[in-house]
Amino acid sequence: MRTKEAIANRILQLCEERNIAVNELANISGVSPSTVYSILNEKSQNPGAITIKKLCDGLEITLGEFFGTPEFDALEQEIK
């Protein structure tokens, strides 16, 4: 699995757990819906740390909680 895919999956998982729509997440995070959808569609080549931090703030979790999953721990190195 690639990092972009893992980030998209995690965002969707967190929205599902909280029973909120992606648009609602964008609104409460102060991130444009188009930015969130570009991350989810993996069109965003490099979702920025600030954007992910804003999404975490909207979800009321830390960056550590966002990335602290087995899915991220199992990612292969991007540099080959």
N, C-alpha and C. Protein backbone atom coordinates (compact mmCIF):
# COMPACT_ATOMS: atom_id res chain seq x y z
N MET A 1 0.86 -1.19 0.00
CA MET A 1 0.00 0.00 0.00
C MET A 1 0.89 1.24 0.00
N ARG A 2 0.45 2.23 -0.71
CA ARG A 2 1.17 3.50 -0.79
C ARG A 2 0.68 4.45 0.30
N THR A 3 1.52 5.40 0.62
CA THR A 3 1.21 6.36 1.68
C THR A 3 -0.06 7.14 1.37
N LYS A 4 -0.20 7.61 0.11
CA LYS A 4 -1.40 8.38 -0.25
C LYS A 4 -2.67 7.57 -0.03
N GLU A 5 -2.61 6.30 -0.38
CA GLU A 5 -3.77 5.42 -0.20
C GLU A 5 -4.07 5.22 1.29
N ALA A 6 -3.03 5.07 2.09
CA ALA A 6 -3.22 4.89 3.53
C ALA A 6 -3.84 6.13 4.16
N ILE A 7 -3.42 7.32 3.73
CA ILE A 7 -3.98 8.57 4.26
C ILE A 7 -5.45 8.67 3.88
N ALA A 8 -5.77 8.39 2.62
CA ALA A 8 -7.17 8.44 2.17
C ALA A 8 -8.03 7.46 2.95
N ASN A 9 -7.53 6.24 3.13
CA ASN A 9 -8.28 5.22 3.88
C ASN A 9 -8.52 5.66 5.32
N ARG A 10 -7.51 6.28 5.93
CA ARG A 10 -7.63 6.70 7.33
C ARG A 10 -8.66 7.81 7.47
N ILE A 11 -8.66 8.76 6.55
CA ILE A 11 -9.66 9.84 6.59
C ILE A 11 -11.07 9.25 6.49
N LEU A 12 -11.26 8.35 5.54
CA LEU A 12 -12.59 7.73 5.37
C LEU A 12 -12.98 6.93 6.61
N GLN A 13 -12.04 6.21 7.19
CA GLN A 13 -12.31 5.43 8.39
C GLN A 13 -12.75 6.34 9.54
N LEU A 14 -12.04 7.44 9.72
CA LEU A 14 -12.38 8.36 10.81
C LEU A 14 -13.73 9.03 10.60
N CYS A 15 -14.04 9.37 9.36
CA CYS A 15 -15.36 9.95 9.06
C CYS A 15 -16.46 8.94 9.36
N GLU A 16 -16.22 7.69 8.97
CA GLU A 16 -17.21 6.64 9.22
C GLU A 16 -17.41 6.41 10.71
N GLU A 17 -16.32 6.35 11.46
CA GLU A 17 -16.41 6.15 12.91
C GLU A 17 -17.22 7.26 13.58
N ARG A 18 -17.09 8.47 13.06
CA ARG A 18 -17.77 9.62 13.67
C ARG A 18 -19.11 9.94 13.00
N ASN A 19 -19.43 9.15 11.99
CA ASN A 19 -20.68 9.32 11.25
C ASN A 19 -20.81 10.74 10.68
N ILE A 20 -19.71 11.21 10.07
CA ILE A 20 -19.75 12.51 9.42
C ILE A 20 -19.38 12.37 7.96
N ALA A 21 -19.95 13.23 7.15
CA ALA A 21 -19.65 13.25 5.72
C ALA A 21 -18.33 13.96 5.47
N VAL A 22 -17.73 13.69 4.34
CA VAL A 22 -16.47 14.32 3.98
C VAL A 22 -16.62 15.84 3.92
N ASN A 23 -17.73 16.31 3.37
CA ASN A 23 -17.97 17.76 3.32
C ASN A 23 -18.02 18.36 4.72
N GLU A 24 -18.64 17.65 5.65
CA GLU A 24 -18.71 18.14 7.03
C GLU A 24 -17.31 18.20 7.64
N LEU A 25 -16.50 17.19 7.38
CA LEU A 25 -15.13 17.20 7.87
C LEU A 25 -14.38 18.41 7.32
N ALA A 26 -14.56 18.68 6.05
CA ALA A 26 -13.91 19.84 5.44
C ALA A 26 -14.35 21.13 6.14
N ASN A 27 -15.64 21.26 6.36
CA ASN A 27 -16.17 22.48 6.98
C ASN A 27 -15.65 22.68 8.40
N ILE A 28 -15.65 21.63 9.21
CA ILE A 28 -15.22 21.79 10.60
C ILE A 28 -13.70 21.94 10.71
N SER A 29 -12.99 21.56 9.65
CA SER A 29 -11.53 21.63 9.66
C SER A 29 -10.99 22.90 9.02
N GLY A 30 -11.85 23.62 8.31
CA GLY A 30 -11.38 24.81 7.61
C GLY A 30 -10.55 24.47 6.38
N VAL A 31 -10.82 23.31 5.80
CA VAL A 31 -10.14 22.87 4.58
C VAL A 31 -11.19 22.80 3.49
N SER A 32 -10.85 23.23 2.29
CA SER A 32 -11.85 23.21 1.22
C SER A 32 -12.22 21.76 0.88
N PRO A 33 -13.50 21.54 0.56
CA PRO A 33 -13.91 20.18 0.18
C PRO A 33 -13.10 19.65 -1.01
N SER A 34 -12.75 20.52 -1.95
CA SER A 34 -11.99 20.06 -3.12
C SER A 34 -10.62 19.53 -2.69
N THR A 35 -10.02 20.14 -1.67
CA THR A 35 -8.74 19.65 -1.17
C THR A 35 -8.90 18.27 -0.54
N VAL A 36 -9.94 18.10 0.26
CA VAL A 36 -10.16 16.80 0.90
C VAL A 36 -10.43 15.73 -0.16
N TYR A 37 -11.27 16.06 -1.14
CA TYR A 37 -11.57 15.08 -2.18
C TYR A 37 -10.34 14.75 -3.03
N SER A 38 -9.45 15.73 -3.23
CA SER A 38 -8.24 15.43 -4.00
C SER A 38 -7.33 14.47 -3.23
N ILE A 39 -7.35 14.57 -1.90
CA ILE A 39 -6.60 13.60 -1.08
C ILE A 39 -7.26 12.23 -1.17
N LEU A 40 -8.58 12.19 -1.07
CA LEU A 40 -9.29 10.91 -1.09
C LEU A 40 -9.18 10.22 -2.44
N ASN A 41 -9.14 11.01 -3.51
CA ASN A 41 -9.02 10.43 -4.86
C ASN A 41 -7.57 10.19 -5.25
N GLU A 42 -6.67 10.48 -4.31
CA GLU A 42 -5.24 10.32 -4.50
C GLU A 42 -4.71 11.16 -5.67
N LYS A 43 -5.42 12.25 -5.99
CA LYS A 43 -4.94 13.17 -7.01
C LYS A 43 -3.91 14.13 -6.42
N SER A 44 -4.03 14.36 -5.12
CA SER A 44 -3.05 15.19 -4.43
C SER A 44 -1.76 14.39 -4.32
N GLN A 45 -0.71 14.86 -4.97
CA GLN A 45 0.55 14.13 -4.98
C GLN A 45 1.22 14.09 -3.62
N ASN A 46 0.98 15.13 -2.83
CA ASN A 46 1.64 15.21 -1.53
C ASN A 46 0.76 15.99 -0.56
N PRO A 47 -0.20 15.32 0.08
CA PRO A 47 -1.05 16.04 1.03
C PRO A 47 -0.18 16.65 2.13
N GLY A 48 -0.26 17.93 2.30
CA GLY A 48 0.62 18.63 3.23
C GLY A 48 0.33 18.31 4.69
N ALA A 49 1.36 18.43 5.49
CA ALA A 49 1.24 18.18 6.92
C ALA A 49 0.27 19.15 7.56
N ILE A 50 0.26 20.40 7.10
CA ILE A 50 -0.65 21.40 7.67
C ILE A 50 -2.10 21.01 7.38
N THR A 51 -2.36 20.55 6.17
CA THR A 51 -3.72 20.11 5.81
C THR A 51 -4.15 18.93 6.67
N ILE A 52 -3.27 17.96 6.82
CA ILE A 52 -3.61 16.79 7.64
C ILE A 52 -3.81 17.21 9.09
N LYS A 53 -2.99 18.15 9.58
CA LYS A 53 -3.14 18.66 10.95
C LYS A 53 -4.50 19.34 11.12
N LYS A 54 -4.93 20.13 10.13
CA LYS A 54 -6.25 20.78 10.21
C LYS A 54 -7.36 19.73 10.25
N LEU A 55 -7.24 18.68 9.45
CA LEU A 55 -8.24 17.61 9.48
C LEU A 55 -8.26 16.94 10.85
N CYS A 56 -7.08 16.71 11.42
CA CYS A 56 -7.00 16.13 12.76
C CYS A 56 -7.66 17.04 13.78
N ASP A 57 -7.41 18.36 13.66
CA ASP A 57 -8.04 19.31 14.58
C ASP A 57 -9.56 19.22 14.48
N GLY A 58 -10.08 19.14 13.25
CA GLY A 58 -11.52 19.02 13.05
C GLY A 58 -12.07 17.72 13.63
N LEU A 59 -11.27 16.67 13.60
CA LEU A 59 -11.67 15.37 14.14
C LEU A 59 -11.38 15.27 15.64
N GLU A 60 -10.72 16.29 16.18
CA GLU A 60 -10.33 16.33 17.59
C GLU A 60 -9.43 15.16 17.96
N ILE A 61 -8.43 14.92 17.09
CA ILE A 61 -7.41 13.91 17.37
C ILE A 61 -6.04 14.53 17.10
N THR A 62 -5.01 13.88 17.59
CA THR A 62 -3.65 14.34 17.34
C THR A 62 -3.12 13.71 16.05
N LEU A 63 -2.02 14.28 15.56
CA LEU A 63 -1.36 13.66 14.41
C LEU A 63 -0.90 12.25 14.76
N GLY A 64 -0.46 12.07 16.01
CA GLY A 64 -0.05 10.73 16.45
C GLY A 64 -1.18 9.73 16.38
N GLU A 65 -2.38 10.17 16.75
CA GLU A 65 -3.55 9.29 16.67
C GLU A 65 -3.91 9.00 15.22
N PHE A 66 -3.73 9.99 14.36
CA PHE A 66 -4.03 9.78 12.94
C PHE A 66 -3.10 8.74 12.34
N PHE A 67 -1.79 8.91 12.60
CA PHE A 67 -0.80 8.04 11.96
C PHE A 67 -0.47 6.79 12.78
N GLY A 68 -0.93 6.72 14.01
CA GLY A 68 -0.57 5.60 14.88
C GLY A 68 -1.43 4.38 14.67
N THR A 69 -1.39 3.84 13.47
CA THR A 69 -2.16 2.63 13.15
C THR A 69 -1.24 1.61 12.50
N PRO A 70 -1.59 0.34 12.57
CA PRO A 70 -0.78 -0.70 11.93
C PRO A 70 -0.62 -0.45 10.42
N GLU A 71 -1.64 0.14 9.80
CA GLU A 71 -1.57 0.40 8.37
C GLU A 71 -0.38 1.31 8.02
N PHE A 72 -0.17 2.34 8.83
CA PHE A 72 0.96 3.23 8.57
C PHE A 72 2.28 2.58 8.96
N ASP A 73 2.27 1.80 10.03
CA ASP A 73 3.49 1.13 10.45
C ASP A 73 3.98 0.14 9.41
N ALA A 74 3.09 -0.43 8.62
CA ALA A 74 3.43 -1.45 7.65
C ALA A 74 3.81 -0.89 6.28
N LEU A 75 3.76 0.42 6.10
CA LEU A 75 4.07 1.00 4.80
C LEU A 75 5.51 0.72 4.40
N GLU A 76 5.70 0.44 3.12
CA GLU A 76 7.04 0.25 2.61
C GLU A 76 7.69 1.61 2.39
N GLN A 77 8.99 1.63 2.35
CA GLN A 77 9.71 2.86 2.08
C GLN A 77 9.33 3.40 0.71
N GLU A 78 9.14 4.72 0.64
CA GLU A 78 8.82 5.35 -0.64
C GLU A 78 10.07 5.53 -1.50
N ILE A 79 11.23 5.61 -0.85
CA ILE A 79 12.49 5.79 -1.59
C ILE A 79 13.06 4.42 -1.90
N LYS A 80 13.30 4.19 -3.16
CA LYS A 80 13.83 2.88 -3.56
C LYS A 80 15.08 3.08 -4.39
